[in-house]
């Protein structure tokens, strides 16, 4: 089975990490040392997004595997 050329979840993961990193840099530039709590919140949101996307990828992979297994059982 060929891999799709465009994976929307991977693109979403990259976009959320890029947005988070940009937010952290902008916060440091604008607020200086006062940015620390906001940077922590941005990092937490980045982590939550990454974990959510990983869970969706895991769920989709398992669902596809179950479908393949069911198809294999009916073909035999």
PDB file of N, CA and C in Angstrom:
ATOM      1  N   UNK A   1       0.841  -1.173   0.000  1.00  0.00           N
ATOM      2  CA  UNK A   1       0.000   0.000   0.000  1.00  0.00           C
ATOM      3  C   UNK A   1       0.887   1.237   0.000  1.00  0.00           C
ATOM      4  N   UNK A   2       0.664   2.126  -0.935  1.00  0.00           N
ATOM      5  CA  UNK A   2       1.487   3.321  -1.082  1.00  0.00           C
ATOM      6  C   UNK A   2       1.082   4.386  -0.062  1.00  0.00           C
ATOM      7  N   UNK A   3       2.064   5.113   0.397  1.00  0.00           N
ATOM      8  CA  UNK A   3       1.808   6.212   1.323  1.00  0.00           C
ATOM      9  C   UNK A   3       1.191   7.380   0.554  1.00  0.00           C
ATOM     10  N   UNK A   4       0.227   8.053   1.143  1.00  0.00           N
ATOM     11  CA  UNK A   4      -0.316   9.232   0.466  1.00  0.00           C
ATOM     12  C   UNK A   4       0.753  10.325   0.382  1.00  0.00           C
ATOM     13  N   UNK A   5       0.678  11.120  -0.651  1.00  0.00           N
ATOM     14  CA  UNK A   5       1.688  12.163  -0.820  1.00  0.00           C
ATOM     15  C   UNK A   5       1.445  13.333   0.133  1.00  0.00           C
ATOM     16  N   UNK A   6       0.202  13.514   0.568  1.00  0.00           N
ATOM     17  CA  UNK A   6      -0.123  14.618   1.484  1.00  0.00           C
ATOM     18  C   UNK A   6      -0.853  14.059   2.685  1.00  0.00           C
ATOM     19  N   UNK A   7      -0.285  14.257   3.852  1.00  0.00           N
ATOM     20  CA  UNK A   7      -0.893  13.784   5.092  1.00  0.00           C
ATOM     21  C   UNK A   7      -1.374  15.007   5.879  1.00  0.00           C
ATOM     22  N   UNK A   8      -2.696  15.232   5.922  1.00  0.00           N
ATOM     23  CA  UNK A   8      -3.208  16.424   6.605  1.00  0.00           C
ATOM     24  C   UNK A   8      -2.833  16.475   8.085  1.00  0.00           C
ATOM     25  N   UNK A   9      -2.781  15.344   8.747  1.00  0.00           N
ATOM     26  CA  UNK A   9      -2.424  15.354  10.174  1.00  0.00           C
ATOM     27  C   UNK A   9      -0.966  15.764  10.370  1.00  0.00           C
ATOM     28  N   UNK A  10      -0.103  15.307   9.485  1.00  0.00           N
ATOM     29  CA  UNK A  10       1.303  15.697   9.587  1.00  0.00           C
ATOM     30  C   UNK A  10       1.446  17.199   9.343  1.00  0.00           C
ATOM     31  N   UNK A  11       0.722  17.705   8.351  1.00  0.00           N
ATOM     32  CA  UNK A  11       0.753  19.144   8.068  1.00  0.00           C
ATOM     33  C   UNK A  11       0.232  19.938   9.264  1.00  0.00           C
ATOM     34  N   UNK A  12      -0.838  19.443   9.893  1.00  0.00           N
ATOM     35  CA  UNK A  12      -1.382  20.108  11.078  1.00  0.00           C
ATOM     36  C   UNK A  12      -0.372  20.097  12.218  1.00  0.00           C
ATOM     37  N   UNK A  13       0.310  18.979  12.415  1.00  0.00           N
ATOM     38  CA  UNK A  13       1.317  18.883  13.472  1.00  0.00           C
ATOM     39  C   UNK A  13       2.442  19.884  13.240  1.00  0.00           C
ATOM     40  N   UNK A  14       2.914  19.959  12.009  1.00  0.00           N
ATOM     41  CA  UNK A  14       3.998  20.889  11.696  1.00  0.00           C
ATOM     42  C   UNK A  14       3.530  22.326  11.887  1.00  0.00           C
ATOM     43  N   UNK A  15       2.315  22.624  11.434  1.00  0.00           N
ATOM     44  CA  UNK A  15       1.789  23.991  11.549  1.00  0.00           C
ATOM     45  C   UNK A  15       1.622  24.411  13.009  1.00  0.00           C
ATOM     46  N   UNK A  16       1.103  23.510  13.853  1.00  0.00           N
ATOM     47  CA  UNK A  16       0.907  23.874  15.259  1.00  0.00           C
ATOM     48  C   UNK A  16       2.246  24.086  15.963  1.00  0.00           C
ATOM     49  N   UNK A  17       3.235  23.269  15.636  1.00  0.00           N
ATOM     50  CA  UNK A  17       4.551  23.440  16.256  1.00  0.00           C
ATOM     51  C   UNK A  17       5.209  24.731  15.778  1.00  0.00           C
ATOM     52  N   UNK A  18       5.070  25.035  14.501  1.00  0.00           N
ATOM     53  CA  UNK A  18       5.640  26.284  13.972  1.00  0.00           C
ATOM     54  C   UNK A  18       4.950  27.497  14.591  1.00  0.00           C
ATOM     55  N   UNK A  19       3.629  27.440  14.721  1.00  0.00           N
ATOM     56  CA  UNK A  19       2.887  28.549  15.326  1.00  0.00           C
ATOM     57  C   UNK A  19       3.288  28.722  16.790  1.00  0.00           C
ATOM     58  N   UNK A  20       3.446  27.629  17.503  1.00  0.00           N
ATOM     59  CA  UNK A  20       3.852  27.706  18.905  1.00  0.00           C
ATOM     60  C   UNK A  20       5.243  28.291  19.079  1.00  0.00           C
ATOM     61  N   UNK A  21       6.166  27.851  18.250  1.00  0.00           N
ATOM     62  CA  UNK A  21       7.525  28.377  18.329  1.00  0.00           C
ATOM     63  C   UNK A  21       7.538  29.868  17.992  1.00  0.00           C
ATOM     64  N   UNK A  22       6.773  30.245  16.984  1.00  0.00           N
ATOM     65  CA  UNK A  22       6.675  31.659  16.622  1.00  0.00           C
ATOM     66  C   UNK A  22       6.094  32.472  17.779  1.00  0.00           C
ATOM     67  N   UNK A  23       5.058  31.938  18.415  1.00  0.00           N
ATOM     68  CA  UNK A  23       4.447  32.638  19.549  1.00  0.00           C
ATOM     69  C   UNK A  23       5.448  32.805  20.690  1.00  0.00           C
ATOM     70  N   UNK A  24       6.222  31.775  20.959  1.00  0.00           N
ATOM     71  CA  UNK A  24       7.212  31.854  22.040  1.00  0.00           C
ATOM     72  C   UNK A  24       8.255  32.932  21.736  1.00  0.00           C
ATOM     73  N   UNK A  25       8.724  32.978  20.506  1.00  0.00           N
ATOM     74  CA  UNK A  25       9.722  33.983  20.129  1.00  0.00           C
ATOM     75  C   UNK A  25       9.133  35.389  20.182  1.00  0.00           C
ATOM     76  N   UNK A  26       7.913  35.552  19.672  1.00  0.00           N
ATOM     77  CA  UNK A  26       7.274  36.873  19.695  1.00  0.00           C
ATOM     78  C   UNK A  26       7.031  37.319  21.134  1.00  0.00           C
ATOM     79  N   UNK A  27       6.578  36.414  21.980  1.00  0.00           N
ATOM     80  CA  UNK A  27       6.350  36.770  23.385  1.00  0.00           C
ATOM     81  C   UNK A  27       7.642  37.233  24.050  1.00  0.00           C
ATOM     82  N   UNK A  28       8.738  36.534  23.790  1.00  0.00           N
ATOM     83  CA  UNK A  28      10.032  36.918  24.369  1.00  0.00           C
ATOM     84  C   UNK A  28      10.455  38.290  23.866  1.00  0.00           C
ATOM     85  N   UNK A  29      10.218  38.538  22.584  1.00  0.00           N
ATOM     86  CA  UNK A  29      10.606  39.820  21.996  1.00  0.00           C
ATOM     87  C   UNK A  29       9.779  40.970  22.566  1.00  0.00           C
ATOM     88  N   UNK A  30       8.479  40.753  22.703  1.00  0.00           N
ATOM     89  CA  UNK A  30       7.583  41.829  23.118  1.00  0.00           C
ATOM     90  C   UNK A  30       7.597  42.036  24.636  1.00  0.00           C
ATOM     91  N   UNK A  31       7.523  40.939  25.389  1.00  0.00           N
ATOM     92  CA  UNK A  31       7.359  41.065  26.837  1.00  0.00           C
ATOM     93  C   UNK A  31       8.643  40.885  27.640  1.00  0.00           C
ATOM     94  N   UNK A  32       9.683  40.383  27.043  1.00  0.00           N
ATOM     95  CA  UNK A  32      10.929  40.154  27.776  1.00  0.00           C
ATOM     96  C   UNK A  32      10.751  39.070  28.830  1.00  0.00           C
ATOM     97  N   UNK A  33      11.228  39.338  30.043  1.00  0.00           N
ATOM     98  CA  UNK A  33      11.150  38.340  31.114  1.00  0.00           C
ATOM     99  C   UNK A  33       9.718  38.084  31.580  1.00  0.00           C
ATOM    100  N   UNK A  34       8.820  39.012  31.341  1.00  0.00           N
ATOM    101  CA  UNK A  34       7.424  38.826  31.747  1.00  0.00           C
ATOM    102  C   UNK A  34       6.716  37.784  30.877  1.00  0.00           C
ATOM    103  N   UNK A  35       7.377  37.328  29.840  1.00  0.00           N
ATOM    104  CA  UNK A  35       6.762  36.381  28.914  1.00  0.00           C
ATOM    105  C   UNK A  35       6.806  34.945  29.429  1.00  0.00           C
ATOM    106  N   UNK A  36       7.563  34.670  30.461  1.00  0.00           N
ATOM    107  CA  UNK A  36       7.773  33.280  30.903  1.00  0.00           C
ATOM    108  C   UNK A  36       6.480  32.499  31.130  1.00  0.00           C
ATOM    109  N   UNK A  37       5.509  33.012  31.869  1.00  0.00           N
ATOM    110  CA  UNK A  37       4.281  32.219  32.065  1.00  0.00           C
ATOM    111  C   UNK A  37       3.527  31.994  30.752  1.00  0.00           C
ATOM    112  N   UNK A  38       3.527  33.016  29.900  1.00  0.00           N
ATOM    113  CA  UNK A  38       2.831  32.884  28.616  1.00  0.00           C
ATOM    114  C   UNK A  38       3.549  31.902  27.702  1.00  0.00           C
ATOM    115  N   UNK A  39       4.860  31.882  27.781  1.00  0.00           N
ATOM    116  CA  UNK A  39       5.620  30.916  26.996  1.00  0.00           C
ATOM    117  C   UNK A  39       5.346  29.498  27.484  1.00  0.00           C
ATOM    118  N   UNK A  40       5.203  29.346  28.783  1.00  0.00           N
ATOM    119  CA  UNK A  40       4.856  28.035  29.335  1.00  0.00           C
ATOM    120  C   UNK A  40       3.484  27.583  28.855  1.00  0.00           C
ATOM    121  N   UNK A  41       2.550  28.527  28.810  1.00  0.00           N
ATOM    122  CA  UNK A  41       1.207  28.183  28.312  1.00  0.00           C
ATOM    123  C   UNK A  41       1.268  27.797  26.836  1.00  0.00           C
ATOM    124  N   UNK A  42       2.057  28.524  26.055  1.00  0.00           N
ATOM    125  CA  UNK A  42       2.203  28.201  24.633  1.00  0.00           C
ATOM    126  C   UNK A  42       2.831  26.817  24.469  1.00  0.00           C
ATOM    127  N   UNK A  43       3.827  26.524  25.272  1.00  0.00           N
ATOM    128  CA  UNK A  43       4.464  25.205  25.220  1.00  0.00           C
ATOM    129  C   UNK A  43       3.478  24.108  25.604  1.00  0.00           C
ATOM    130  N   UNK A  44       2.663  24.370  26.619  1.00  0.00           N
ATOM    131  CA  UNK A  44       1.640  23.403  27.015  1.00  0.00           C
ATOM    132  C   UNK A  44       0.627  23.151  25.909  1.00  0.00           C
ATOM    133  N   UNK A  45       0.218  24.219  25.236  1.00  0.00           N
ATOM    134  CA  UNK A  45      -0.716  24.061  24.114  1.00  0.00           C
ATOM    135  C   UNK A  45      -0.071  23.287  22.965  1.00  0.00           C
ATOM    136  N   UNK A  46       1.196  23.544  22.714  1.00  0.00           N
ATOM    137  CA  UNK A  46       1.913  22.799  21.666  1.00  0.00           C
ATOM    138  C   UNK A  46       1.947  21.308  22.006  1.00  0.00           C
ATOM    139  N   UNK A  47       2.228  21.005  23.255  1.00  0.00           N
ATOM    140  CA  UNK A  47       2.290  19.616  23.694  1.00  0.00           C
ATOM    141  C   UNK A  47       0.921  18.947  23.609  1.00  0.00           C
ATOM    142  N   UNK A  48      -0.116  19.666  24.030  1.00  0.00           N
ATOM    143  CA  UNK A  48      -1.471  19.119  23.958  1.00  0.00           C
ATOM    144  C   UNK A  48      -1.876  18.852  22.506  1.00  0.00           C
ATOM    145  N   UNK A  49      -1.531  19.763  21.616  1.00  0.00           N
ATOM    146  CA  UNK A  49      -1.850  19.568  20.194  1.00  0.00           C
ATOM    147  C   UNK A  49      -1.105  18.360  19.641  1.00  0.00           C
ATOM    148  N   UNK A  50       0.165  18.232  19.991  1.00  0.00           N
ATOM    149  CA  UNK A  50       0.962  17.101  19.505  1.00  0.00           C
ATOM    150  C   UNK A  50       0.387  15.775  20.013  1.00  0.00           C
ATOM    151  N   UNK A  51       0.010  15.729  21.283  1.00  0.00           N
ATOM    152  CA  UNK A  51      -0.560  14.499  21.841  1.00  0.00           C
ATOM    153  C   UNK A  51      -1.917  14.180  21.213  1.00  0.00           C
ATOM    154  N   UNK A  52      -2.726  15.204  20.981  1.00  0.00           N
ATOM    155  CA  UNK A  52      -4.021  14.997  20.338  1.00  0.00           C
ATOM    156  C   UNK A  52      -3.870  14.462  18.921  1.00  0.00           C
ATOM    157  N   UNK A  53      -2.956  15.046  18.177  1.00  0.00           N
ATOM    158  CA  UNK A  53      -2.724  14.582  16.807  1.00  0.00           C
ATOM    159  C   UNK A  53      -2.171  13.161  16.813  1.00  0.00           C
ATOM    160  N   UNK A  54      -1.277  12.856  17.730  1.00  0.00           N
ATOM    161  CA  UNK A  54      -0.740  11.502  17.833  1.00  0.00           C
ATOM    162  C   UNK A  54      -1.843  10.497  18.155  1.00  0.00           C
ATOM    163  N   UNK A  55      -2.768  10.873  19.023  1.00  0.00           N
ATOM    164  CA  UNK A  55      -3.878   9.977  19.364  1.00  0.00           C
ATOM    165  C   UNK A  55      -4.774   9.730  18.153  1.00  0.00           C
ATOM    166  N   UNK A  56      -5.042  10.773  17.383  1.00  0.00           N
ATOM    167  CA  UNK A  56      -5.867  10.612  16.177  1.00  0.00           C
ATOM    168  C   UNK A  56      -5.160   9.721  15.168  1.00  0.00           C
ATOM    169  N   UNK A  57      -3.862   9.920  14.982  1.00  0.00           N
ATOM    170  CA  UNK A  57      -3.096   9.076  14.047  1.00  0.00           C
ATOM    171  C   UNK A  57      -3.122   7.621  14.502  1.00  0.00           C
ATOM    172  N   UNK A  58      -2.962   7.397  15.798  1.00  0.00           N
ATOM    173  CA  UNK A  58      -2.984   6.042  16.344  1.00  0.00           C
ATOM    174  C   UNK A  58      -4.347   5.397  16.106  1.00  0.00           C
ATOM    175  N   UNK A  59      -5.415   6.145  16.390  1.00  0.00           N
ATOM    176  CA  UNK A  59      -6.764   5.642  16.205  1.00  0.00           C
ATOM    177  C   UNK A  59      -7.013   5.291  14.744  1.00  0.00           C
ATOM    178  N   UNK A  60      -6.625   6.160  13.829  1.00  0.00           N
ATOM    179  CA  UNK A  60      -6.839   5.908  12.406  1.00  0.00           C
ATOM    180  C   UNK A  60      -6.036   4.708  11.926  1.00  0.00           C
ATOM    181  N   UNK A  61      -4.805   4.581  12.403  1.00  0.00           N
ATOM    182  CA  UNK A  61      -3.970   3.443  12.007  1.00  0.00           C
ATOM    183  C   UNK A  61      -4.575   2.131  12.499  1.00  0.00           C
ATOM    184  N   UNK A  62      -5.038   2.113  13.744  1.00  0.00           N
ATOM    185  CA  UNK A  62      -5.650   0.897  14.288  1.00  0.00           C
ATOM    186  C   UNK A  62      -6.940   0.545  13.553  1.00  0.00           C
ATOM    187  N   UNK A  63      -7.746   1.571  13.225  1.00  0.00           N
ATOM    188  CA  UNK A  63      -8.993   1.340  12.506  1.00  0.00           C
ATOM    189  C   UNK A  63      -8.712   0.743  11.121  1.00  0.00           C
ATOM    190  N   UNK A  64      -7.696   1.266  10.436  1.00  0.00           N
ATOM    191  CA  UNK A  64      -7.329   0.737   9.126  1.00  0.00           C
ATOM    192  C   UNK A  64      -6.819  -0.698   9.248  1.00  0.00           C
ATOM    193  N   UNK A  65      -6.082  -0.971  10.312  1.00  0.00           N
ATOM    194  CA  UNK A  65      -5.573  -2.328  10.525  1.00  0.00           C
ATOM    195  C   UNK A  65      -6.723  -3.299  10.763  1.00  0.00           C
ATOM    196  N   UNK A  66      -7.722  -2.888  11.552  1.00  0.00           N
ATOM    197  CA  UNK A  66      -8.882  -3.759  11.784  1.00  0.00           C
ATOM    198  C   UNK A  66      -9.628  -4.035  10.491  1.00  0.00           C
ATOM    199  N   UNK A  67      -9.766  -3.014   9.655  1.00  0.00           N
ATOM    200  CA  UNK A  67     -10.436  -3.208   8.361  1.00  0.00           C
ATOM    201  C   UNK A  67      -9.665  -4.195   7.489  1.00  0.00           C
ATOM    202  N   UNK A  68      -8.329  -4.046   7.449  1.00  0.00           N
ATOM    203  CA  UNK A  68      -7.513  -4.982   6.659  1.00  0.00           C
ATOM    204  C   UNK A  68      -7.653  -6.401   7.184  1.00  0.00           C
ATOM    205  N   UNK A  69      -7.642  -6.544   8.510  1.00  0.00           N
ATOM    206  CA  UNK A  69      -7.767  -7.865   9.105  1.00  0.00           C
ATOM    207  C   UNK A  69      -9.135  -8.486   8.785  1.00  0.00           C
ATOM    208  N   UNK A  70     -10.201  -7.691   8.856  1.00  0.00           N
ATOM    209  CA  UNK A  70     -11.535  -8.194   8.532  1.00  0.00           C
ATOM    210  C   UNK A  70     -11.617  -8.621   7.061  1.00  0.00           C
ATOM    211  N   UNK A  71     -11.044  -7.796   6.174  1.00  0.00           N
ATOM    212  CA  UNK A  71     -11.034  -8.126   4.758  1.00  0.00           C
ATOM    213  C   UNK A  71     -10.267  -9.410   4.506  1.00  0.00           C
ATOM    214  N   UNK A  72      -9.137  -9.564   5.178  1.00  0.00           N
ATOM    215  CA  UNK A  72      -8.317 -10.762   5.027  1.00  0.00           C
ATOM    216  C   UNK A  72      -9.064 -11.996   5.487  1.00  0.00           C
ATOM    217  N   UNK A  73      -9.817 -11.867   6.597  1.00  0.00           N
ATOM    218  CA  UNK A  73     -10.581 -13.002   7.117  1.00  0.00           C
ATOM    219  C   UNK A  73     -11.723 -13.378   6.184  1.00  0.00           C
ATOM    220  N   UNK A  74     -12.383 -12.407   5.560  1.00  0.00           N
ATOM    221  CA  UNK A  74     -13.482 -12.730   4.648  1.00  0.00           C
ATOM    222  C   UNK A  74     -12.972 -13.268   3.331  1.00  0.00           C
ATOM    223  N   UNK A  75     -11.752 -12.913   2.927  1.00  0.00           N
ATOM    224  CA  UNK A  75     -11.182 -13.413   1.673  1.00  0.00           C
ATOM    225  C   UNK A  75     -10.719 -14.862   1.786  1.00  0.00           C
ATOM    226  N   UNK A  76     -10.400 -15.285   2.990  1.00  0.00           N
ATOM    227  CA  UNK A  76      -9.888 -16.651   3.164  1.00  0.00           C
ATOM    228  C   UNK A  76     -10.981 -17.674   3.219  1.00  0.00           C
TER     229      UNK A  76
END
